[in-house]
């Protein structure tokens, strides 16, 4: 989990736990019950309960980001969180012991300086989060020392300090050093890379050879593709957009068309319903006639709004075409100066290479696709193409996507990196599990009930 996610969990803890009675406050003797023991290292019931709460909070945040709610009082949910907490505590016990055994817990001055720097950055991130999420509007309006004091008060209430972050950053650094030790001998051979490449090529060929449209969709999403079917080209465009007022008028007209279409559909559904009464069908027939008239009027209004919007940008589009006719090499400058397509802005994934398009593809306005595929030769530029809505497309044919497998040399480093990371994670997990098994940790999980 990224630091910001961990930070959000930490900052959410106090508020969430105050309203969610997950753990009954036991007497001190019960809280001190030893649940895990490895040599002289012990983990108490209270520590397991705290770790379980942390796991629940992470689940709460994770599923919340996905739009799902978790019943934090569900015994099954709590049991899953407790099992995860116990596993994590056992791992931590073994990692701390292994780090000490190998001398990896001794940090150099340079490493300590990095820890200090990271902890200070964590604190600043916390302050920003506190201000946005915990302070009232009046407090957020404070400045200088008063604002600092309000933020610090919340940090103190949540138990957040530079020292707490230093401990966390140290632990993370030491854990990374143990990880590096465990995987130091892991390698990926050229043969493994080539085999993975061949497998990816074969899989993509099977998936896309007869489905160029799916390939263009995957390409637009940023996927690394290992085989390209025939018939795909790349194009760039200059979009001459509607003015804001015209766009608003077109959007409003579109909304009325959608509303009227819904009424037509609803009335027709009743007419098609064999179980509907004659009275209901008679009413639906009247509604249908009214809705069809409304739809016709809305369609005419949409056409009028669109025609007016296009008329208002004709001059701008013609100016772009005139500039290109005078100087074909001015394309890149015009893209920067006149383009309303964010996908063609500098830094966008497709800005330089262009959009991938093919006959019959989905996901793009058919007017754009048809015009792009109608261009005869690389370098050709279309006229102004009236889109479904939003403005004129001016499209340039910039190249073809070569049919067949992607060049091996262009992807081998990425494949090697991915394979190495996966193999390291596998080896580390296996090694850590072996260390835990060898550690002979004594458990008394029944005392948690």
Foldseek 3Di string as FASTA:
>chain_A
DDPVLLLVLLLCLVVVCVPPPADDDDPPVLQQCFFWDFPPDTDGLVNLVVQLSSLLSSVQVVVVVVVDHDDSNPPVSSVVSSVVSVVVVLLLVLLVVVLVVVVLLDDDPVLLVVLLVVLVVSVVVQLVCCLVPPDDPVLVPDDDPSVVVVSVVSCVVSVHDSVVSSVVSSSVSSSVVVLCVLCVPDADDPVNLVVVLVVQQVVLCVVPQPPQLVVLVCVLVPDDHFFHHPFKFFKAKFWQFFDPVLQVQLVVLVVQLVVLVVQLVVLVVLCPDPPHDPVSVVVSVVSNVVSVVSNVVSVVSNVVSQVVRAVVCVVVLVVVVVVCVVPVVCVVVCSAVRGPDPCLHPPRPQVPVGRMAGPPHPDDFVQVRVQQSPDDDQQDWGGFTDTPHTGTIIMGGHTGDDGTTDDCVVCSVVSRVVVSVVVSVVSSVVVSVVSSVVSPMDGDCVSND
